[in-house]
Amino acid sequence: MEIERDFILDPSLVLYLPLYKLDGASIMSQDGCGHLCTVTGALWRHNGRYFDGTDDFINCGNNVARNVGQTDSLTLEVWYKTEHISSQEDRFIGKYDTGGGSYWGFYSISATGKLRWYCPSPIEGDADIWDGQFHHIVGVRRGAGAIGELFVDASLNKSGVNTPTDFTWAAPLSIGRWGNLDESYAKGVIGEVRVYERALTPQEIQHNYLATKWRYR
């Protein structure tokens, strides 16, 4: 399948999943790595995959961003529309090392709907994503300085110092939950996911947002 060129495409792109066009119980990532991903539940819709908040998830395997060490950069980018569940945290994409306690990913807080980017320290944003709309959500870790940044709809929402850690451990990246954690499942629609083994610039984040938002109006 030909990769669409309406976003930044370079060798640092290690995961690209256009869920709005990938149907079936097994799907292949549309990047140079070709990760085989296994779908549990998560029904296909024209604008992505719907996660029921109970047990739906997509396992993307153990090798996504395994090259990211303590001084390396990382970008996680997601189009997501959540449905409000005030009684549970919404861990809608992430990687979790049960042995070492390291993790990276997104979730919204149960009481407020405010968004957090963990990489692995929490960067808590001001944006409330529980508004029934799609949002372009980007988390960045900027290398040796351990700076974490959270962007919502191409605007910098919050930044802060992040604890240096590596992500070379073997744990799956899951969409709809964090890794193998059987808790806090996502409820809503995820349209597409990208992971870069570098820090996108604010201009590149804006480019990806403007070039793809037409799908999620």
C-alpha atoms as a PDB file:
ATOM      1  CA  MET A   1       0.000   0.000   0.000  1.00  0.00           C
ATOM      2  CA  GLU A   2       1.371   3.420  -0.950  1.00  0.00           C
ATOM      3  CA  ILE A   3       2.111   5.756   1.946  1.00  0.00           C
ATOM      4  CA  GLU A   4       0.259   9.058   1.791  1.00  0.00           C
ATOM      5  CA  ARG A   5       2.574  12.067   1.688  1.00  0.00           C
ATOM      6  CA  ASP A   6       0.490  14.593   3.648  1.00  0.00           C
ATOM      7  CA  PHE A   7       2.748  14.472   6.730  1.00  0.00           C
ATOM      8  CA  ILE A   8       6.467  14.577   7.539  1.00  0.00           C
ATOM      9  CA  LEU A   9       8.006  11.393   6.139  1.00  0.00           C
ATOM     10  CA  ASP A  10      11.635  10.570   6.910  1.00  0.00           C
ATOM     11  CA  PRO A  11      13.710   7.656   8.248  1.00  0.00           C
ATOM     12  CA  SER A  12      12.926   8.626  11.853  1.00  0.00           C
ATOM     13  CA  LEU A  13       9.268   7.616  11.355  1.00  0.00           C
ATOM     14  CA  VAL A  14       9.206   4.191  13.036  1.00  0.00           C
ATOM     15  CA  LEU A  15       5.436   3.733  13.313  1.00  0.00           C
ATOM     16  CA  TYR A  16       2.643   4.985  11.076  1.00  0.00           C
ATOM     17  CA  LEU A  17      -0.853   3.574  11.481  1.00  0.00           C
ATOM     18  CA  PRO A  18      -3.614   5.204   9.412  1.00  0.00           C
ATOM     19  CA  LEU A  19      -6.389   3.433  11.324  1.00  0.00           C
ATOM     20  CA  TYR A  20      -9.056   5.164   9.244  1.00  0.00           C
ATOM     21  CA  LYS A  21      -8.150   2.880   6.330  1.00  0.00           C
ATOM     22  CA  LEU A  22      -6.717  -0.276   7.967  1.00  0.00           C
ATOM     23  CA  ASP A  23      -9.381  -2.924   8.557  1.00  0.00           C
ATOM     24  CA  GLY A  24      -9.041  -6.485   9.821  1.00  0.00           C
ATOM     25  CA  ALA A  25      -7.770  -8.271  12.935  1.00  0.00           C
ATOM     26  CA  SER A  26      -4.130  -7.978  11.843  1.00  0.00           C
ATOM     27  CA  ILE A  27      -2.779  -4.781  10.332  1.00  0.00           C
ATOM     28  CA  MET A  28       0.649  -3.743   9.061  1.00  0.00           C
ATOM     29  CA  SER A  29       2.117  -0.359   9.887  1.00  0.00           C
ATOM     30  CA  GLN A  30       2.664   1.838   6.828  1.00  0.00           C
ATOM     31  CA  ASP A  31       6.255   2.853   7.534  1.00  0.00           C
ATOM     32  CA  GLY A  32       9.691   1.506   6.741  1.00  0.00           C
ATOM     33  CA  CYS A  33       9.627  -0.915   9.686  1.00  0.00           C
ATOM     34  CA  GLY A  34       6.456  -2.826   8.835  1.00  0.00           C
ATOM     35  CA  HIS A  35       5.237  -3.648  12.353  1.00  0.00           C
ATOM     36  CA  LEU A  36       2.551  -6.349  12.449  1.00  0.00           C
ATOM     37  CA  CYS A  37      -0.167  -5.149  14.836  1.00  0.00           C
ATOM     38  CA  THR A  38      -2.886  -7.302  16.387  1.00  0.00           C
ATOM     39  CA  VAL A  39      -6.369  -5.875  16.938  1.00  0.00           C
ATOM     40  CA  THR A  40      -8.581  -6.960  19.842  1.00  0.00           C
ATOM     41  CA  GLY A  41     -12.047  -5.455  19.417  1.00  0.00           C
ATOM     42  CA  ALA A  42     -11.534  -1.874  18.169  1.00  0.00           C
ATOM     43  CA  LEU A  43     -14.073  -1.814  15.334  1.00  0.00           C
ATOM     44  CA  TRP A  44     -13.190  -0.047  12.090  1.00  0.00           C
ATOM     45  CA  ARG A  45     -14.979   3.176  11.195  1.00  0.00           C
ATOM     46  CA  HIS A  46     -14.483   5.560   8.285  1.00  0.00           C
ATOM     47  CA  ASN A  47     -12.467   7.933  10.504  1.00  0.00           C
ATOM     48  CA  GLY A  48     -10.499   5.388  12.556  1.00  0.00           C
ATOM     49  CA  ARG A  49     -10.918   2.577  15.056  1.00  0.00           C
ATOM     50  CA  TYR A  50     -13.530   2.727  17.801  1.00  0.00           C
ATOM     51  CA  PHE A  51     -12.428   1.570  21.281  1.00  0.00           C
ATOM     52  CA  ASP A  52     -15.224   0.610  23.702  1.00  0.00           C
ATOM     53  CA  GLY A  53     -13.487   1.556  26.978  1.00  0.00           C
ATOM     54  CA  THR A  54     -13.678  -2.001  28.328  1.00  0.00           C
ATOM     55  CA  ASP A  55     -11.249  -4.349  26.584  1.00  0.00           C
ATOM     56  CA  ASP A  56     -10.423  -3.032  23.088  1.00  0.00           C
ATOM     57  CA  PHE A  57      -6.794  -2.440  22.153  1.00  0.00           C
ATOM     58  CA  ILE A  58      -4.205  -2.809  19.394  1.00  0.00           C
ATOM     59  CA  ASN A  59      -0.860  -4.443  20.206  1.00  0.00           C
ATOM     60  CA  CYS A  60       1.900  -2.907  18.060  1.00  0.00           C
ATOM     61  CA  GLY A  61       4.647  -5.215  19.318  1.00  0.00           C
ATOM     62  CA  ASN A  62       7.819  -4.741  21.339  1.00  0.00           C
ATOM     63  CA  ASN A  63      10.087  -3.071  18.808  1.00  0.00           C
ATOM     64  CA  VAL A  64       8.542   0.390  18.371  1.00  0.00           C
ATOM     65  CA  ALA A  65      11.104   3.025  19.424  1.00  0.00           C
ATOM     66  CA  ARG A  66      13.437   0.454  20.983  1.00  0.00           C
ATOM     67  CA  ASN A  67      16.383   2.616  19.857  1.00  0.00           C
ATOM     68  CA  VAL A  68      15.480   5.557  22.099  1.00  0.00           C
ATOM     69  CA  GLY A  69      18.097   5.897  24.850  1.00  0.00           C
ATOM     70  CA  GLN A  70      18.446   8.341  27.732  1.00  0.00           C
ATOM     71  CA  THR A  71      19.772  11.203  25.603  1.00  0.00           C
ATOM     72  CA  ASP A  72      17.591  10.563  22.544  1.00  0.00           C
ATOM     73  CA  SER A  73      14.496  12.357  21.333  1.00  0.00           C
ATOM     74  CA  LEU A  74      11.030  10.997  20.623  1.00  0.00           C
ATOM     75  CA  THR A  75       7.720  12.213  19.199  1.00  0.00           C
ATOM     76  CA  LEU A  76       4.313  10.535  19.631  1.00  0.00           C
ATOM     77  CA  GLU A  77       1.458  11.884  17.492  1.00  0.00           C
ATOM     78  CA  VAL A  78      -2.220  10.849  17.631  1.00  0.00           C
ATOM     79  CA  TRP A  79      -5.589  11.981  16.255  1.00  0.00           C
ATOM     80  CA  TYR A  80      -8.113  11.109  18.971  1.00  0.00           C
ATOM     81  CA  LYS A  81     -11.750  11.752  19.875  1.00  0.00           C
ATOM     82  CA  THR A  82     -12.577  10.543  23.364  1.00  0.00           C
ATOM     83  CA  GLU A  83     -15.922   9.826  24.985  1.00  0.00           C
ATOM     84  CA  HIS A  84     -16.268  11.057  28.549  1.00  0.00           C
ATOM     85  CA  ILE A  85     -15.901   8.437  31.294  1.00  0.00           C
ATOM     86  CA  SER A  86     -15.502  10.428  34.494  1.00  0.00           C
ATOM     87  CA  SER A  87     -14.784   7.394  36.647  1.00  0.00           C
ATOM     88  CA  GLN A  88     -11.646   6.146  34.899  1.00  0.00           C
ATOM     89  CA  GLU A  89      -8.361   7.355  33.490  1.00  0.00           C
ATOM     90  CA  ASP A  90      -8.169   7.228  29.722  1.00  0.00           C
ATOM     91  CA  ARG A  91      -4.796   5.687  28.844  1.00  0.00           C
ATOM     92  CA  PHE A  92      -5.256   5.735  25.114  1.00  0.00           C
ATOM     93  CA  ILE A  93      -1.758   4.909  23.872  1.00  0.00           C
ATOM     94  CA  GLY A  94       1.441   3.937  25.620  1.00  0.00           C
ATOM     95  CA  LYS A  95       4.271   1.611  26.498  1.00  0.00           C
ATOM     96  CA  TYR A  96       4.778   0.281  30.023  1.00  0.00           C
ATOM     97  CA  ASP A  97       7.648  -1.695  31.526  1.00  0.00           C
ATOM     98  CA  THR A  98       6.152  -3.673  34.401  1.00  0.00           C
ATOM     99  CA  GLY A  99       9.601  -4.725  35.598  1.00  0.00           C
ATOM    100  CA  GLY A 100      11.354  -1.359  35.646  1.00  0.00           C
ATOM    101  CA  GLY A 101       8.432   1.009  36.052  1.00  0.00           C
ATOM    102  CA  SER A 102       9.303   3.022  32.936  1.00  0.00           C
ATOM    103  CA  TYR A 103       6.597   4.213  30.558  1.00  0.00           C
ATOM    104  CA  TRP A 104       5.670   6.695  27.902  1.00  0.00           C
ATOM    105  CA  GLY A 105       2.315   7.635  26.455  1.00  0.00           C
ATOM    106  CA  PHE A 106      -0.835   9.716  26.865  1.00  0.00           C
ATOM    107  CA  TYR A 107      -3.783   9.644  29.189  1.00  0.00           C
ATOM    108  CA  SER A 108      -6.497  12.003  30.376  1.00  0.00           C
ATOM    109  CA  ILE A 109      -7.261  12.377  34.072  1.00  0.00           C
ATOM    110  CA  SER A 110     -10.490  10.846  35.325  1.00  0.00           C
ATOM    111  CA  ALA A 111     -11.728  13.816  37.360  1.00  0.00           C
ATOM    112  CA  THR A 112     -10.941  16.672  34.955  1.00  0.00           C
ATOM    113  CA  GLY A 113     -10.283  15.342  31.459  1.00  0.00           C
ATOM    114  CA  LYS A 114      -6.958  17.194  31.410  1.00  0.00           C
ATOM    115  CA  LEU A 115      -4.321  15.573  29.269  1.00  0.00           C
ATOM    116  CA  ARG A 116      -0.984  14.179  30.451  1.00  0.00           C
ATOM    117  CA  TRP A 117       2.111  13.259  28.451  1.00  0.00           C
ATOM    118  CA  TYR A 118       4.356  10.782  30.255  1.00  0.00           C
ATOM    119  CA  CYS A 119       7.901  10.324  28.947  1.00  0.00           C
ATOM    120  CA  PRO A 120       8.355   9.140  31.702  1.00  0.00           C
ATOM    121  CA  SER A 121       7.729  12.166  33.956  1.00  0.00           C
ATOM    122  CA  PRO A 122       4.222  13.660  33.711  1.00  0.00           C
ATOM    123  CA  ILE A 123       3.674  16.839  31.725  1.00  0.00           C
ATOM    124  CA  GLU A 124       0.118  17.879  32.605  1.00  0.00           C
ATOM    125  CA  GLY A 125      -1.587  20.139  30.113  1.00  0.00           C
ATOM    126  CA  ASP A 126      -4.410  22.637  30.442  1.00  0.00           C
ATOM    127  CA  ALA A 127      -6.490  21.346  27.544  1.00  0.00           C
ATOM    128  CA  ASP A 128      -9.754  19.552  28.224  1.00  0.00           C
ATOM    129  CA  ILE A 129     -10.157  17.001  25.434  1.00  0.00           C
ATOM    130  CA  TRP A 130     -13.562  15.770  26.660  1.00  0.00           C
ATOM    131  CA  ASP A 131     -15.503  17.934  24.235  1.00  0.00           C
ATOM    132  CA  GLY A 132     -16.654  15.319  21.717  1.00  0.00           C
ATOM    133  CA  GLN A 133     -14.226  16.561  19.044  1.00  0.00           C
ATOM    134  CA  PHE A 134     -11.144  15.103  17.408  1.00  0.00           C
ATOM    135  CA  HIS A 135      -7.865  16.541  18.646  1.00  0.00           C
ATOM    136  CA  HIS A 136      -4.360  16.327  17.247  1.00  0.00           C
ATOM    137  CA  ILE A 137      -2.210  15.389  20.259  1.00  0.00           C
ATOM    138  CA  VAL A 138       1.589  15.391  20.138  1.00  0.00           C
ATOM    139  CA  GLY A 139       4.105  14.564  22.855  1.00  0.00           C
ATOM    140  CA  VAL A 140       7.775  15.419  22.362  1.00  0.00           C
ATOM    141  CA  ARG A 141      10.899  14.593  24.333  1.00  0.00           C
ATOM    142  CA  ARG A 142      13.834  16.768  23.334  1.00  0.00           C
ATOM    143  CA  GLY A 143      17.000  14.789  23.847  1.00  0.00           C
ATOM    144  CA  ALA A 144      19.723  15.243  26.425  1.00  0.00           C
ATOM    145  CA  GLY A 145      18.037  18.256  28.005  1.00  0.00           C
ATOM    146  CA  ALA A 146      15.126  15.981  28.940  1.00  0.00           C
ATOM    147  CA  ILE A 147      12.554  18.594  27.963  1.00  0.00           C
ATOM    148  CA  GLY A 148       8.999  17.306  27.541  1.00  0.00           C
ATOM    149  CA  GLU A 149       6.435  19.180  25.458  1.00  0.00           C
ATOM    150  CA  LEU A 150       2.718  18.608  24.935  1.00  0.00           C
ATOM    151  CA  PHE A 151       0.990  20.041  21.853  1.00  0.00           C
ATOM    152  CA  VAL A 152      -2.772  20.073  21.278  1.00  0.00           C
ATOM    153  CA  ASP A 153      -4.020  21.040  17.821  1.00  0.00           C
ATOM    154  CA  ALA A 154      -0.539  22.304  16.899  1.00  0.00           C
ATOM    155  CA  SER A 155      -0.313  24.695  19.864  1.00  0.00           C
ATOM    156  CA  LEU A 156       2.171  24.186  22.682  1.00  0.00           C
ATOM    157  CA  ASN A 157       0.009  23.433  25.693  1.00  0.00           C
ATOM    158  CA  LYS A 158       2.635  22.681  28.338  1.00  0.00           C
ATOM    159  CA  SER A 159       6.349  21.961  28.691  1.00  0.00           C
ATOM    160  CA  GLY A 160       8.596  20.849  31.533  1.00  0.00           C
ATOM    161  CA  VAL A 161      11.681  18.936  32.574  1.00  0.00           C
ATOM    162  CA  ASN A 162      11.526  15.206  31.950  1.00  0.00           C
ATOM    163  CA  THR A 163      13.433  12.517  33.843  1.00  0.00           C
ATOM    164  CA  PRO A 164      16.156  11.006  31.611  1.00  0.00           C
ATOM    165  CA  THR A 165      15.464   7.359  30.879  1.00  0.00           C
ATOM    166  CA  ASP A 166      15.842   4.951  27.992  1.00  0.00           C
ATOM    167  CA  PHE A 167      13.086   3.016  26.248  1.00  0.00           C
ATOM    168  CA  THR A 168      15.096   0.044  25.044  1.00  0.00           C
ATOM    169  CA  TRP A 169      13.158  -2.431  27.189  1.00  0.00           C
ATOM    170  CA  ALA A 170      11.004  -5.077  25.536  1.00  0.00           C
ATOM    171  CA  ALA A 171       7.416  -4.039  26.144  1.00  0.00           C
ATOM    172  CA  PRO A 172       4.599  -3.633  23.637  1.00  0.00           C
ATOM    173  CA  LEU A 173       3.292  -0.295  22.489  1.00  0.00           C
ATOM    174  CA  SER A 174      -0.487  -0.556  22.739  1.00  0.00           C
ATOM    175  CA  ILE A 175      -3.228   1.667  21.370  1.00  0.00           C
ATOM    176  CA  GLY A 176      -6.329   1.787  23.550  1.00  0.00           C
ATOM    177  CA  ARG A 177      -4.383   1.045  26.733  1.00  0.00           C
ATOM    178  CA  TRP A 178      -0.788   1.133  28.051  1.00  0.00           C
ATOM    179  CA  GLY A 179       1.307  -1.889  27.084  1.00  0.00           C
ATOM    180  CA  ASN A 180       0.049  -5.031  28.809  1.00  0.00           C
ATOM    181  CA  LEU A 181      -1.785  -3.178  31.592  1.00  0.00           C
ATOM    182  CA  ASP A 182      -5.295  -4.604  31.767  1.00  0.00           C
ATOM    183  CA  GLU A 183      -6.849  -1.364  33.053  1.00  0.00           C
ATOM    184  CA  SER A 184      -7.910   2.160  32.042  1.00  0.00           C
ATOM    185  CA  TYR A 185      -8.934   1.425  28.471  1.00  0.00           C
ATOM    186  CA  ALA A 186      -9.706   4.151  25.947  1.00  0.00           C
ATOM    187  CA  LYS A 187     -13.267   4.928  24.902  1.00  0.00           C
ATOM    188  CA  GLY A 188     -13.461   6.791  21.626  1.00  0.00           C
ATOM    189  CA  VAL A 189     -12.022   6.894  18.113  1.00  0.00           C
ATOM    190  CA  ILE A 190      -8.336   6.985  17.168  1.00  0.00           C
ATOM    191  CA  GLY A 191      -7.765   8.010  13.569  1.00  0.00           C
ATOM    192  CA  GLU A 192      -4.026   7.703  13.100  1.00  0.00           C
ATOM    193  CA  VAL A 193      -0.799   7.254  15.045  1.00  0.00           C
ATOM    194  CA  ARG A 194       2.795   8.213  14.290  1.00  0.00           C
ATOM    195  CA  VAL A 195       5.997   7.678  16.279  1.00  0.00           C
ATOM    196  CA  TYR A 196       9.260   9.399  15.349  1.00  0.00           C
ATOM    197  CA  GLU A 197      12.662   8.639  16.835  1.00  0.00           C
ATOM    198  CA  ARG A 198      13.424  12.353  16.918  1.00  0.00           C
ATOM    199  CA  ALA A 199      11.808  15.543  18.148  1.00  0.00           C
ATOM    200  CA  LEU A 200       9.588  17.208  15.567  1.00  0.00           C
ATOM    201  CA  THR A 201       9.887  20.980  15.437  1.00  0.00           C
ATOM    202  CA  PRO A 202       6.817  23.143  16.177  1.00  0.00           C
ATOM    203  CA  GLN A 203       6.681  23.948  12.466  1.00  0.00           C
ATOM    204  CA  GLU A 204       6.634  20.254  11.546  1.00  0.00           C
ATOM    205  CA  ILE A 205       3.903  19.566  14.094  1.00  0.00           C
ATOM    206  CA  GLN A 206       1.828  22.379  12.614  1.00  0.00           C
ATOM    207  CA  HIS A 207       2.412  20.979   9.122  1.00  0.00           C
ATOM    208  CA  ASN A 208       1.165  17.517  10.141  1.00  0.00           C
ATOM    209  CA  TYR A 209      -1.871  19.044  11.857  1.00  0.00           C
ATOM    210  CA  LEU A 210      -2.892  21.283   8.955  1.00  0.00           C
ATOM    211  CA  ALA A 211      -2.269  18.591   6.339  1.00  0.00           C
ATOM    212  CA  THR A 212      -4.404  15.927   8.020  1.00  0.00           C
ATOM    213  CA  LYS A 213      -7.145  17.719   9.981  1.00  0.00           C
ATOM    214  CA  TRP A 214      -9.580  17.651   7.039  1.00  0.00           C
ATOM    215  CA  ARG A 215     -10.178  13.970   7.816  1.00  0.00           C
ATOM    216  CA  TYR A 216     -11.439  14.722  11.321  1.00  0.00           C
ATOM    217  CA  ARG A 217     -13.912  17.596  10.958  1.00  0.00           C
END
